[in-house]
């Protein structure tokens, strides 16, 4: 049985995921090198958690098992963020004085915020998925 508190939490997580997706598109748009086909097909995979959370909002009892899939995608997303940070830190440290505020926000601060969102959604999906498994089984 879903309470108002869990419904608001689901909406909050959905909004975080949507913010994350639109931030990725913003970074891709500002990139000097236009993204490859792999970037855009990978973006489709990153949409999976938002779609699953939307499904859970509509019918929690039927779709709660998909929290494991959200966790699975988030683990790989966090790994990708780590690889991004290791590559961008070397570039940023070599030319930190030449970075404008827009580039600093776009390439360093916004990905840090997205990393925090990924960790939050991962922990949320693991905890909520386990508690719903106990509730519905």
C-alpha atoms as a PDB file:
ATOM      1  CA  UNK A   1       0.000   0.000   0.000  1.00  0.00           C
ATOM      2  CA  UNK A   2       1.411   3.306  -1.048  1.00  0.00           C
ATOM      3  CA  UNK A   3       1.385   6.304   1.233  1.00  0.00           C
ATOM      4  CA  UNK A   4       1.526   9.970   0.321  1.00  0.00           C
ATOM      5  CA  UNK A   5       5.105  10.130   1.608  1.00  0.00           C
ATOM      6  CA  UNK A   6       6.305   7.361  -0.723  1.00  0.00           C
ATOM      7  CA  UNK A   7       4.388   8.896  -3.640  1.00  0.00           C
ATOM      8  CA  UNK A   8       6.147  12.234  -3.076  1.00  0.00           C
ATOM      9  CA  UNK A   9       9.481  10.406  -2.815  1.00  0.00           C
ATOM     10  CA  UNK A  10       8.819   8.625  -6.127  1.00  0.00           C
ATOM     11  CA  UNK A  11       7.969  11.944  -7.784  1.00  0.00           C
ATOM     12  CA  UNK A  12      11.156  13.474  -6.355  1.00  0.00           C
ATOM     13  CA  UNK A  13      13.298  10.624  -7.707  1.00  0.00           C
ATOM     14  CA  UNK A  14      11.567  10.893 -11.089  1.00  0.00           C
ATOM     15  CA  UNK A  15      12.287  14.636 -11.205  1.00  0.00           C
ATOM     16  CA  UNK A  16      15.936  13.978 -10.285  1.00  0.00           C
ATOM     17  CA  UNK A  17      16.208  11.481 -13.130  1.00  0.00           C
ATOM     18  CA  UNK A  18      14.625  13.901 -15.590  1.00  0.00           C
ATOM     19  CA  UNK A  19      16.984  16.675 -14.431  1.00  0.00           C
ATOM     20  CA  UNK A  20      19.885  14.312 -14.964  1.00  0.00           C
ATOM     21  CA  UNK A  21      18.757  13.396 -18.472  1.00  0.00           C
ATOM     22  CA  UNK A  22      18.241  16.999 -19.550  1.00  0.00           C
ATOM     23  CA  UNK A  23      21.617  17.933 -18.046  1.00  0.00           C
ATOM     24  CA  UNK A  24      23.264  15.242 -20.151  1.00  0.00           C
ATOM     25  CA  UNK A  25      21.601  16.635 -23.247  1.00  0.00           C
ATOM     26  CA  UNK A  26      22.747  20.133 -22.293  1.00  0.00           C
ATOM     27  CA  UNK A  27      26.352  18.982 -21.900  1.00  0.00           C
ATOM     28  CA  UNK A  28      26.168  17.140 -25.215  1.00  0.00           C
ATOM     29  CA  UNK A  29      24.784  20.234 -26.933  1.00  0.00           C
ATOM     30  CA  UNK A  30      27.591  22.453 -25.619  1.00  0.00           C
ATOM     31  CA  UNK A  31      30.295  19.984 -26.508  1.00  0.00           C
ATOM     32  CA  UNK A  32      32.637  21.145 -29.230  1.00  0.00           C
ATOM     33  CA  UNK A  33      32.592  17.705 -30.813  1.00  0.00           C
ATOM     34  CA  UNK A  34      29.084  16.596 -31.764  1.00  0.00           C
ATOM     35  CA  UNK A  35      28.218  13.295 -30.156  1.00  0.00           C
ATOM     36  CA  UNK A  36      28.458  10.051 -32.025  1.00  0.00           C
ATOM     37  CA  UNK A  37      25.646   7.582 -32.592  1.00  0.00           C
ATOM     38  CA  UNK A  38      26.928   5.648 -29.570  1.00  0.00           C
ATOM     39  CA  UNK A  39      26.279   8.671 -27.339  1.00  0.00           C
ATOM     40  CA  UNK A  40      22.668   8.896 -28.398  1.00  0.00           C
ATOM     41  CA  UNK A  41      21.984   5.154 -28.200  1.00  0.00           C
ATOM     42  CA  UNK A  42      23.572   5.138 -24.757  1.00  0.00           C
ATOM     43  CA  UNK A  43      21.228   7.966 -23.830  1.00  0.00           C
ATOM     44  CA  UNK A  44      18.303   5.637 -24.516  1.00  0.00           C
ATOM     45  CA  UNK A  45      19.665   3.227 -21.904  1.00  0.00           C
ATOM     46  CA  UNK A  46      19.945   6.077 -19.411  1.00  0.00           C
ATOM     47  CA  UNK A  47      16.219   6.760 -19.876  1.00  0.00           C
ATOM     48  CA  UNK A  48      15.338   3.330 -18.464  1.00  0.00           C
ATOM     49  CA  UNK A  49      15.355   4.353 -14.752  1.00  0.00           C
ATOM     50  CA  UNK A  50      13.033   7.310 -15.385  1.00  0.00           C
ATOM     51  CA  UNK A  51      10.594   5.102 -17.299  1.00  0.00           C
ATOM     52  CA  UNK A  52      10.655   2.404 -14.620  1.00  0.00           C
ATOM     53  CA  UNK A  53      10.105   4.915 -11.825  1.00  0.00           C
ATOM     54  CA  UNK A  54       7.154   6.310 -13.783  1.00  0.00           C
ATOM     55  CA  UNK A  55       5.739   2.766 -14.071  1.00  0.00           C
ATOM     56  CA  UNK A  56       6.200   2.220 -10.331  1.00  0.00           C
ATOM     57  CA  UNK A  57       4.381   5.463  -9.592  1.00  0.00           C
ATOM     58  CA  UNK A  58       1.414   4.179 -11.585  1.00  0.00           C
ATOM     59  CA  UNK A  59       1.348   0.623 -10.227  1.00  0.00           C
ATOM     60  CA  UNK A  60       3.746  -0.092  -7.376  1.00  0.00           C
ATOM     61  CA  UNK A  61       2.556  -3.627  -6.672  1.00  0.00           C
ATOM     62  CA  UNK A  62       3.101  -4.857 -10.207  1.00  0.00           C
ATOM     63  CA  UNK A  63       6.387  -3.135 -11.087  1.00  0.00           C
ATOM     64  CA  UNK A  64       8.352  -3.080  -7.803  1.00  0.00           C
ATOM     65  CA  UNK A  65      10.624  -5.867  -9.055  1.00  0.00           C
ATOM     66  CA  UNK A  66      12.066  -3.485 -11.627  1.00  0.00           C
ATOM     67  CA  UNK A  67      13.949  -1.627  -8.884  1.00  0.00           C
ATOM     68  CA  UNK A  68      16.696  -4.209  -9.430  1.00  0.00           C
ATOM     69  CA  UNK A  69      16.995  -3.105 -13.048  1.00  0.00           C
ATOM     70  CA  UNK A  70      17.230   0.535 -11.944  1.00  0.00           C
ATOM     71  CA  UNK A  71      20.032  -0.448  -9.557  1.00  0.00           C
ATOM     72  CA  UNK A  72      21.794  -2.351 -12.328  1.00  0.00           C
ATOM     73  CA  UNK A  73      21.712   0.637 -14.694  1.00  0.00           C
ATOM     74  CA  UNK A  74      22.833   2.997 -11.916  1.00  0.00           C
ATOM     75  CA  UNK A  75      25.882   0.865 -11.082  1.00  0.00           C
ATOM     76  CA  UNK A  76      27.054   1.166 -14.674  1.00  0.00           C
ATOM     77  CA  UNK A  77      26.188   4.858 -14.724  1.00  0.00           C
ATOM     78  CA  UNK A  78      28.320   5.455 -11.638  1.00  0.00           C
ATOM     79  CA  UNK A  79      31.155   3.515 -13.269  1.00  0.00           C
ATOM     80  CA  UNK A  80      30.824   5.665 -16.376  1.00  0.00           C
ATOM     81  CA  UNK A  81      30.885   8.791 -14.227  1.00  0.00           C
ATOM     82  CA  UNK A  82      34.121   7.602 -12.633  1.00  0.00           C
ATOM     83  CA  UNK A  83      35.704   7.095 -16.051  1.00  0.00           C
ATOM     84  CA  UNK A  84      34.490  10.535 -17.124  1.00  0.00           C
ATOM     85  CA  UNK A  85      35.978  12.167 -14.014  1.00  0.00           C
ATOM     86  CA  UNK A  86      39.346  10.494 -14.467  1.00  0.00           C
ATOM     87  CA  UNK A  87      39.575  11.740 -18.052  1.00  0.00           C
ATOM     88  CA  UNK A  88      38.236  15.258 -17.443  1.00  0.00           C
ATOM     89  CA  UNK A  89      40.331  15.952 -14.338  1.00  0.00           C
ATOM     90  CA  UNK A  90      43.559  15.712 -16.335  1.00  0.00           C
ATOM     91  CA  UNK A  91      42.205  18.128 -18.936  1.00  0.00           C
ATOM     92  CA  UNK A  92      40.795  20.505 -16.322  1.00  0.00           C
ATOM     93  CA  UNK A  93      43.973  20.589 -14.249  1.00  0.00           C
ATOM     94  CA  UNK A  94      46.128  21.361 -17.260  1.00  0.00           C
ATOM     95  CA  UNK A  95      44.055  24.391 -18.227  1.00  0.00           C
ATOM     96  CA  UNK A  96      42.052  25.349 -15.125  1.00  0.00           C
ATOM     97  CA  UNK A  97      42.964  29.032 -15.419  1.00  0.00           C
ATOM     98  CA  UNK A  98      41.606  29.182 -18.963  1.00  0.00           C
ATOM     99  CA  UNK A  99      38.210  27.677 -18.170  1.00  0.00           C
ATOM    100  CA  UNK A 100      35.273  30.009 -18.326  1.00  0.00           C
ATOM    101  CA  UNK A 101      32.508  29.760 -15.754  1.00  0.00           C
ATOM    102  CA  UNK A 102      30.169  28.144 -18.284  1.00  0.00           C
ATOM    103  CA  UNK A 103      32.685  25.422 -19.134  1.00  0.00           C
ATOM    104  CA  UNK A 104      33.485  24.876 -15.462  1.00  0.00           C
ATOM    105  CA  UNK A 105      29.801  24.367 -14.684  1.00  0.00           C
ATOM    106  CA  UNK A 106      29.202  22.262 -17.788  1.00  0.00           C
ATOM    107  CA  UNK A 107      32.118  19.868 -17.588  1.00  0.00           C
ATOM    108  CA  UNK A 108      32.883  19.607 -13.859  1.00  0.00           C
ATOM    109  CA  UNK A 109      30.099  20.820 -11.548  1.00  0.00           C
ATOM    110  CA  UNK A 110      27.094  19.447 -13.458  1.00  0.00           C
ATOM    111  CA  UNK A 111      28.605  15.941 -13.774  1.00  0.00           C
ATOM    112  CA  UNK A 112      29.352  16.029 -10.013  1.00  0.00           C
ATOM    113  CA  UNK A 113      25.689  16.794  -9.360  1.00  0.00           C
ATOM    114  CA  UNK A 114      24.665  13.963 -11.702  1.00  0.00           C
ATOM    115  CA  UNK A 115      27.021  11.591  -9.868  1.00  0.00           C
ATOM    116  CA  UNK A 116      25.369  12.480  -6.559  1.00  0.00           C
ATOM    117  CA  UNK A 117      21.939  11.912  -8.132  1.00  0.00           C
ATOM    118  CA  UNK A 118      23.072   8.494  -9.411  1.00  0.00           C
ATOM    119  CA  UNK A 119      24.293   7.450  -5.975  1.00  0.00           C
ATOM    120  CA  UNK A 120      21.065   8.657  -4.345  1.00  0.00           C
ATOM    121  CA  UNK A 121      18.864   6.813  -6.850  1.00  0.00           C
ATOM    122  CA  UNK A 122      20.989   3.666  -6.503  1.00  0.00           C
ATOM    123  CA  UNK A 123      20.660   3.636  -2.716  1.00  0.00           C
ATOM    124  CA  UNK A 124      16.960   4.518  -2.942  1.00  0.00           C
ATOM    125  CA  UNK A 125      16.219   1.737  -5.430  1.00  0.00           C
ATOM    126  CA  UNK A 126      18.127  -0.859  -3.425  1.00  0.00           C
ATOM    127  CA  UNK A 127      16.456   0.038  -0.116  1.00  0.00           C
ATOM    128  CA  UNK A 128      12.973   0.571  -1.520  1.00  0.00           C
ATOM    129  CA  UNK A 129      13.164  -2.561  -3.678  1.00  0.00           C
ATOM    130  CA  UNK A 130      14.141  -4.702  -0.687  1.00  0.00           C
ATOM    131  CA  UNK A 131      11.405  -3.278   1.526  1.00  0.00           C
ATOM    132  CA  UNK A 132       8.756  -3.769  -1.180  1.00  0.00           C
ATOM    133  CA  UNK A 133       9.947  -7.346  -1.767  1.00  0.00           C
ATOM    134  CA  UNK A 134       9.289  -8.082   1.891  1.00  0.00           C
ATOM    135  CA  UNK A 135       5.920  -6.321   1.766  1.00  0.00           C
ATOM    136  CA  UNK A 136       4.476  -7.965  -1.341  1.00  0.00           C
ATOM    137  CA  UNK A 137       5.812 -11.490  -0.887  1.00  0.00           C
END
